[in-house]
């Protein structure tokens, strides 16, 4: 693995973006999707306040049952219907909730996702003696 892959400095920037803006909840776990009535939200859902995204509503957040101050992972979605790539933040999610979110996001043939688990490695170029 390259020193530039999934390192602690990347996650520090993601934490700063999320924690400095906050979570704006718009749906509760169990709510029905407003457009696709067959989709039920597996966790609370909302957006990172004051951020930009493809949808114009801000970066999507799936918030699980653990601390809402800890980012669990990121999900990158490829949507051929909307012709977009979209990043989603998972916060406070258990392993089961991560699986539930992935099942929720991969239900259609038009969108598929990949999970980026949080890394903790500090790259060699980031370690100094000072």
N, C-alpha and C. Protein backbone atom coordinates (compact mmCIF):
# COMPACT_ATOMS: atom_id res chain seq x y z
N UNK A 1 0.84 -1.17 0.00
CA UNK A 1 0.00 0.00 0.00
C UNK A 1 0.90 1.25 0.00
N UNK A 2 0.55 2.18 -0.80
CA UNK A 2 1.28 3.44 -0.89
C UNK A 2 1.10 4.27 0.37
N UNK A 3 2.10 5.11 0.68
CA UNK A 3 2.01 6.03 1.81
C UNK A 3 0.85 7.01 1.66
N UNK A 4 0.37 7.18 0.45
CA UNK A 4 -0.69 8.16 0.21
C UNK A 4 -2.09 7.57 0.31
N UNK A 5 -2.17 6.25 0.49
CA UNK A 5 -3.47 5.60 0.56
C UNK A 5 -4.01 5.54 1.98
N UNK A 6 -5.24 6.00 2.17
CA UNK A 6 -6.00 5.79 3.39
C UNK A 6 -5.21 6.12 4.66
N UNK A 7 -4.58 7.28 4.68
CA UNK A 7 -3.76 7.60 5.84
C UNK A 7 -4.45 8.55 6.81
N UNK A 8 -3.85 8.69 7.98
CA UNK A 8 -4.44 9.47 9.07
C UNK A 8 -4.64 10.93 8.71
N UNK A 9 -3.77 11.49 7.88
CA UNK A 9 -3.91 12.91 7.53
C UNK A 9 -5.15 13.16 6.67
N UNK A 10 -5.49 12.23 5.79
CA UNK A 10 -6.72 12.34 5.01
C UNK A 10 -7.91 12.37 5.95
N UNK A 11 -7.95 11.41 6.89
CA UNK A 11 -9.09 11.31 7.81
C UNK A 11 -9.16 12.51 8.73
N UNK A 12 -8.01 13.11 9.05
CA UNK A 12 -8.02 14.33 9.85
C UNK A 12 -8.76 15.45 9.12
N UNK A 13 -8.55 15.56 7.81
CA UNK A 13 -9.26 16.57 7.01
C UNK A 13 -10.75 16.27 6.95
N UNK A 14 -11.11 15.00 6.79
CA UNK A 14 -12.52 14.62 6.74
C UNK A 14 -13.18 14.93 8.08
N UNK A 15 -12.50 14.59 9.19
CA UNK A 15 -13.02 14.90 10.53
C UNK A 15 -13.25 16.40 10.69
N UNK A 16 -12.28 17.20 10.27
CA UNK A 16 -12.39 18.65 10.40
C UNK A 16 -13.57 19.18 9.61
N UNK A 17 -13.73 18.71 8.40
CA UNK A 17 -14.86 19.13 7.55
C UNK A 17 -16.19 18.79 8.22
N UNK A 18 -16.30 17.57 8.71
CA UNK A 18 -17.55 17.11 9.32
C UNK A 18 -17.81 17.80 10.66
N UNK A 19 -16.82 17.78 11.55
CA UNK A 19 -17.03 18.29 12.91
C UNK A 19 -17.17 19.81 12.95
N UNK A 20 -16.57 20.51 11.99
CA UNK A 20 -16.69 21.97 11.99
C UNK A 20 -18.00 22.44 11.37
N UNK A 21 -18.67 21.56 10.65
CA UNK A 21 -19.92 21.94 10.00
C UNK A 21 -21.15 21.36 10.69
N UNK A 22 -21.06 20.13 11.14
CA UNK A 22 -22.18 19.51 11.85
C UNK A 22 -23.10 18.71 10.95
N UNK A 23 -23.92 17.90 11.60
CA UNK A 23 -24.85 16.99 10.94
C UNK A 23 -26.25 17.58 11.00
N UNK A 24 -26.89 17.69 9.85
CA UNK A 24 -28.27 18.18 9.74
C UNK A 24 -29.15 16.99 9.32
N UNK A 25 -29.87 16.43 10.28
CA UNK A 25 -30.68 15.24 10.03
C UNK A 25 -31.96 15.61 9.28
N UNK A 26 -32.28 14.81 8.24
CA UNK A 26 -33.50 15.03 7.47
C UNK A 26 -34.42 13.81 7.46
N UNK A 27 -33.89 12.62 7.79
CA UNK A 27 -34.69 11.41 7.81
C UNK A 27 -34.29 10.58 9.03
N UNK A 28 -35.25 9.86 9.56
CA UNK A 28 -34.99 8.95 10.68
C UNK A 28 -34.88 7.52 10.17
N UNK A 29 -34.17 6.71 10.93
CA UNK A 29 -34.10 5.28 10.62
C UNK A 29 -35.52 4.75 10.48
N UNK A 30 -35.79 4.01 9.40
CA UNK A 30 -37.11 3.45 9.16
C UNK A 30 -37.99 4.30 8.26
N UNK A 31 -37.59 5.55 7.99
CA UNK A 31 -38.37 6.40 7.08
C UNK A 31 -38.30 5.86 5.65
N UNK A 32 -39.36 6.11 4.90
CA UNK A 32 -39.43 5.71 3.49
C UNK A 32 -38.77 6.79 2.64
N UNK A 33 -37.98 6.38 1.65
CA UNK A 33 -37.34 7.32 0.73
C UNK A 33 -38.44 8.14 0.04
N UNK A 34 -38.23 9.47 -0.13
CA UNK A 34 -39.29 10.31 -0.69
C UNK A 34 -39.63 10.02 -2.15
N UNK A 35 -38.71 9.46 -2.91
CA UNK A 35 -38.96 9.18 -4.33
C UNK A 35 -39.15 7.68 -4.57
N UNK A 36 -38.27 6.87 -4.01
CA UNK A 36 -38.30 5.42 -4.22
C UNK A 36 -38.95 4.78 -3.00
N UNK A 37 -40.25 4.55 -3.07
CA UNK A 37 -41.05 4.12 -1.93
C UNK A 37 -40.68 2.73 -1.40
N UNK A 38 -39.95 1.96 -2.18
CA UNK A 38 -39.53 0.64 -1.72
C UNK A 38 -38.25 0.70 -0.87
N UNK A 39 -37.63 1.86 -0.76
CA UNK A 39 -36.39 2.00 0.00
C UNK A 39 -36.68 2.55 1.40
N UNK A 40 -36.18 1.87 2.41
CA UNK A 40 -36.35 2.26 3.81
C UNK A 40 -34.97 2.60 4.37
N UNK A 41 -34.85 3.78 4.97
CA UNK A 41 -33.55 4.21 5.51
C UNK A 41 -33.11 3.29 6.65
N UNK A 42 -31.88 2.73 6.54
CA UNK A 42 -31.40 1.80 7.55
C UNK A 42 -30.82 2.48 8.80
N UNK A 43 -30.53 3.76 8.69
CA UNK A 43 -30.01 4.57 9.80
C UNK A 43 -30.62 5.96 9.66
N UNK A 44 -30.36 6.82 10.63
CA UNK A 44 -30.72 8.22 10.46
C UNK A 44 -29.92 8.75 9.27
N UNK A 45 -30.47 9.75 8.60
CA UNK A 45 -29.84 10.26 7.38
C UNK A 45 -29.93 11.78 7.37
N UNK A 46 -28.94 12.39 6.77
CA UNK A 46 -28.95 13.84 6.63
C UNK A 46 -27.75 14.30 5.82
N UNK A 47 -27.28 15.50 6.15
CA UNK A 47 -26.19 16.09 5.38
C UNK A 47 -25.22 16.82 6.30
N UNK A 48 -23.99 16.95 5.83
CA UNK A 48 -23.02 17.79 6.51
C UNK A 48 -23.40 19.23 6.16
N UNK A 49 -23.69 20.03 7.17
CA UNK A 49 -24.11 21.41 6.95
C UNK A 49 -23.02 22.20 6.22
N UNK A 50 -23.44 23.13 5.40
CA UNK A 50 -22.53 24.06 4.72
C UNK A 50 -21.48 23.37 3.85
N UNK A 51 -21.83 22.25 3.23
CA UNK A 51 -20.91 21.60 2.29
C UNK A 51 -21.57 21.54 0.92
N UNK A 52 -20.76 21.26 -0.07
CA UNK A 52 -21.24 21.15 -1.44
C UNK A 52 -21.29 19.67 -1.83
N UNK A 53 -22.28 19.36 -2.65
CA UNK A 53 -22.40 18.00 -3.16
C UNK A 53 -23.10 18.04 -4.50
N UNK A 54 -23.14 16.90 -5.14
CA UNK A 54 -23.79 16.78 -6.44
C UNK A 54 -25.28 17.14 -6.32
N UNK A 55 -25.91 16.71 -5.24
CA UNK A 55 -27.35 16.94 -5.06
C UNK A 55 -27.69 18.38 -4.72
N UNK A 56 -26.70 19.13 -4.27
CA UNK A 56 -26.93 20.51 -3.87
C UNK A 56 -27.38 20.63 -2.42
N UNK A 57 -27.59 19.51 -1.74
CA UNK A 57 -28.06 19.53 -0.35
C UNK A 57 -26.93 19.40 0.66
N UNK A 58 -25.72 19.18 0.21
CA UNK A 58 -24.59 18.92 1.09
C UNK A 58 -24.21 17.46 1.04
N UNK A 59 -23.07 17.14 1.61
CA UNK A 59 -22.56 15.78 1.61
C UNK A 59 -23.49 14.90 2.46
N UNK A 60 -23.89 13.76 1.91
CA UNK A 60 -24.80 12.84 2.59
C UNK A 60 -24.12 12.18 3.79
N UNK A 61 -24.92 11.97 4.86
CA UNK A 61 -24.44 11.31 6.08
C UNK A 61 -25.44 10.23 6.49
N UNK A 62 -24.91 9.05 6.77
CA UNK A 62 -25.69 7.97 7.37
C UNK A 62 -25.17 7.84 8.79
N UNK A 63 -26.04 8.11 9.78
CA UNK A 63 -25.64 8.16 11.18
C UNK A 63 -26.18 6.94 11.93
N UNK A 64 -25.25 6.17 12.47
CA UNK A 64 -25.63 4.95 13.18
C UNK A 64 -25.89 5.18 14.66
N UNK A 65 -25.85 4.11 15.42
CA UNK A 65 -26.23 4.13 16.83
C UNK A 65 -25.08 4.46 17.78
N UNK A 66 -23.86 4.55 17.26
CA UNK A 66 -22.70 4.90 18.09
C UNK A 66 -22.49 6.41 18.07
N UNK A 67 -21.37 6.89 18.55
CA UNK A 67 -21.09 8.33 18.63
C UNK A 67 -21.18 9.01 17.27
N UNK A 68 -21.90 10.11 17.25
CA UNK A 68 -22.04 10.88 16.01
C UNK A 68 -20.83 11.78 15.78
N UNK A 69 -19.83 11.67 16.63
CA UNK A 69 -18.60 12.45 16.46
C UNK A 69 -17.46 11.62 15.87
N UNK A 70 -17.75 10.39 15.48
CA UNK A 70 -16.72 9.50 14.95
C UNK A 70 -17.12 9.01 13.56
N UNK A 71 -16.32 9.37 12.58
CA UNK A 71 -16.57 8.90 11.22
C UNK A 71 -16.08 7.46 11.11
N UNK A 72 -16.97 6.60 10.66
CA UNK A 72 -16.69 5.18 10.54
C UNK A 72 -16.02 4.86 9.20
N UNK A 73 -16.57 5.43 8.13
CA UNK A 73 -16.12 5.11 6.77
C UNK A 73 -16.71 6.12 5.79
N UNK A 74 -16.26 6.03 4.57
CA UNK A 74 -16.85 6.77 3.46
C UNK A 74 -17.36 5.76 2.45
N UNK A 75 -18.39 6.15 1.72
CA UNK A 75 -18.91 5.33 0.63
C UNK A 75 -18.85 6.18 -0.63
N UNK A 76 -18.35 5.60 -1.70
CA UNK A 76 -18.37 6.26 -3.00
C UNK A 76 -19.39 5.53 -3.86
N UNK A 77 -20.36 6.29 -4.38
CA UNK A 77 -21.43 5.72 -5.19
C UNK A 77 -21.26 6.14 -6.64
N UNK A 78 -21.39 5.17 -7.53
CA UNK A 78 -21.41 5.44 -8.96
C UNK A 78 -22.85 5.23 -9.43
N UNK A 79 -23.47 6.30 -9.92
CA UNK A 79 -24.88 6.28 -10.31
C UNK A 79 -24.96 6.55 -11.81
N UNK A 80 -25.30 5.52 -12.59
CA UNK A 80 -25.34 5.71 -14.04
C UNK A 80 -26.60 6.43 -14.49
N UNK A 81 -27.66 6.38 -13.69
CA UNK A 81 -28.89 7.09 -14.04
C UNK A 81 -28.70 8.60 -13.90
N UNK A 82 -28.09 9.02 -12.78
CA UNK A 82 -27.82 10.44 -12.54
C UNK A 82 -26.51 10.90 -13.19
N UNK A 83 -25.72 9.94 -13.67
CA UNK A 83 -24.41 10.22 -14.27
C UNK A 83 -23.52 10.99 -13.30
N UNK A 84 -23.34 10.41 -12.11
CA UNK A 84 -22.54 11.09 -11.09
C UNK A 84 -21.80 10.09 -10.20
N UNK A 85 -20.74 10.60 -9.60
CA UNK A 85 -20.05 9.92 -8.51
C UNK A 85 -20.32 10.75 -7.28
N UNK A 86 -20.64 10.10 -6.18
CA UNK A 86 -21.05 10.81 -4.98
C UNK A 86 -20.42 10.17 -3.75
N UNK A 87 -19.90 11.00 -2.84
CA UNK A 87 -19.29 10.51 -1.60
C UNK A 87 -20.29 10.67 -0.47
N UNK A 88 -20.40 9.63 0.35
CA UNK A 88 -21.30 9.64 1.50
C UNK A 88 -20.49 9.33 2.75
N UNK A 89 -20.84 9.94 3.88
CA UNK A 89 -20.13 9.77 5.14
C UNK A 89 -20.95 8.86 6.05
N UNK A 90 -20.29 7.88 6.65
CA UNK A 90 -20.92 7.04 7.66
C UNK A 90 -20.35 7.44 9.01
N UNK A 91 -21.21 7.83 9.95
CA UNK A 91 -20.75 8.21 11.28
C UNK A 91 -21.40 7.31 12.32
N UNK A 92 -20.59 6.92 13.31
CA UNK A 92 -21.11 6.15 14.42
C UNK A 92 -21.80 4.86 14.03
N UNK A 93 -21.35 4.22 12.99
CA UNK A 93 -22.00 2.99 12.51
C UNK A 93 -21.30 1.74 13.03
N UNK A 94 -22.10 0.80 13.51
CA UNK A 94 -21.59 -0.52 13.85
C UNK A 94 -21.31 -1.27 12.54
N UNK A 95 -20.64 -2.40 12.62
CA UNK A 95 -20.40 -3.20 11.42
C UNK A 95 -21.72 -3.60 10.76
N UNK A 96 -22.72 -3.94 11.57
CA UNK A 96 -24.02 -4.32 11.03
C UNK A 96 -24.68 -3.13 10.32
N UNK A 97 -24.58 -1.94 10.89
CA UNK A 97 -25.15 -0.76 10.26
C UNK A 97 -24.43 -0.41 8.96
N UNK A 98 -23.12 -0.60 8.92
CA UNK A 98 -22.38 -0.39 7.67
C UNK A 98 -22.92 -1.32 6.60
N UNK A 99 -23.10 -2.60 6.94
CA UNK A 99 -23.66 -3.57 5.99
C UNK A 99 -25.06 -3.16 5.54
N UNK A 100 -25.89 -2.68 6.49
CA UNK A 100 -27.25 -2.24 6.16
C UNK A 100 -27.24 -1.07 5.19
N UNK A 101 -26.35 -0.11 5.41
CA UNK A 101 -26.24 1.06 4.51
C UNK A 101 -25.80 0.60 3.12
N UNK A 102 -24.83 -0.30 3.06
CA UNK A 102 -24.37 -0.79 1.76
C UNK A 102 -25.48 -1.53 1.02
N UNK A 103 -26.25 -2.35 1.72
CA UNK A 103 -27.39 -3.02 1.09
C UNK A 103 -28.40 -1.99 0.58
N UNK A 104 -28.70 -0.98 1.38
CA UNK A 104 -29.63 0.09 1.01
C UNK A 104 -29.17 0.81 -0.26
N UNK A 105 -27.88 1.15 -0.31
CA UNK A 105 -27.35 1.92 -1.45
C UNK A 105 -27.15 1.09 -2.71
N UNK A 106 -27.10 -0.22 -2.58
CA UNK A 106 -26.83 -1.09 -3.73
C UNK A 106 -28.07 -1.83 -4.23
N UNK A 107 -29.26 -1.37 -3.87
CA UNK A 107 -30.49 -2.10 -4.22
C UNK A 107 -30.87 -2.00 -5.68
N UNK A 108 -30.42 -0.97 -6.37
CA UNK A 108 -30.82 -0.81 -7.76
C UNK A 108 -29.68 -1.21 -8.69
N UNK A 109 -30.03 -1.46 -9.93
CA UNK A 109 -29.00 -1.75 -10.93
C UNK A 109 -28.34 -0.48 -11.44
N UNK A 110 -28.85 0.68 -11.06
CA UNK A 110 -28.33 1.95 -11.56
C UNK A 110 -27.24 2.53 -10.67
N UNK A 111 -27.17 2.11 -9.41
CA UNK A 111 -26.17 2.64 -8.49
C UNK A 111 -25.47 1.50 -7.78
N UNK A 112 -24.16 1.58 -7.73
CA UNK A 112 -23.34 0.64 -6.96
C UNK A 112 -22.31 1.45 -6.18
N UNK A 113 -21.87 0.87 -5.06
CA UNK A 113 -20.98 1.61 -4.16
C UNK A 113 -19.76 0.79 -3.76
N UNK A 114 -18.76 1.50 -3.26
CA UNK A 114 -17.61 0.88 -2.61
C UNK A 114 -17.42 1.55 -1.26
N UNK A 115 -16.90 0.80 -0.32
CA UNK A 115 -16.67 1.26 1.04
C UNK A 115 -15.20 1.59 1.23
N UNK A 116 -14.93 2.73 1.83
CA UNK A 116 -13.56 3.09 2.21
C UNK A 116 -13.52 3.13 3.73
N UNK A 117 -12.94 2.09 4.31
CA UNK A 117 -12.85 2.03 5.77
C UNK A 117 -11.81 3.02 6.27
N UNK A 118 -12.04 3.51 7.46
CA UNK A 118 -11.14 4.50 8.04
C UNK A 118 -9.78 3.89 8.31
N UNK A 119 -8.73 4.55 7.82
CA UNK A 119 -7.36 4.13 8.07
C UNK A 119 -6.76 4.93 9.20
N UNK A 120 -5.76 4.37 9.83
CA UNK A 120 -5.11 5.04 10.95
C UNK A 120 -3.59 5.17 10.74
N UNK A 121 -3.10 4.73 9.59
CA UNK A 121 -1.67 4.77 9.34
C UNK A 121 -1.19 6.19 9.10
N UNK A 122 -0.07 6.53 9.71
CA UNK A 122 0.59 7.80 9.42
C UNK A 122 1.65 7.51 8.38
N UNK A 123 1.59 8.21 7.21
CA UNK A 123 2.57 7.93 6.16
C UNK A 123 3.98 8.31 6.60
N UNK A 124 4.96 7.63 6.02
CA UNK A 124 6.36 7.86 6.42
C UNK A 124 6.77 9.32 6.23
N UNK A 125 6.22 10.01 5.23
CA UNK A 125 6.57 11.41 5.02
C UNK A 125 5.97 12.33 6.07
N UNK A 126 5.04 11.80 6.89
CA UNK A 126 4.41 12.61 7.93
C UNK A 126 5.08 12.48 9.29
N UNK A 127 6.01 11.57 9.41
CA UNK A 127 6.68 11.34 10.69
C UNK A 127 7.96 12.15 10.71
N UNK A 128 8.10 12.98 11.75
CA UNK A 128 9.32 13.78 11.89
C UNK A 128 9.88 13.60 13.28
N UNK A 129 11.13 14.00 13.45
CA UNK A 129 11.78 13.93 14.76
C UNK A 129 11.55 15.20 15.57
N UNK A 130 10.93 16.21 14.95
CA UNK A 130 10.74 17.51 15.63
C UNK A 130 9.52 17.53 16.47
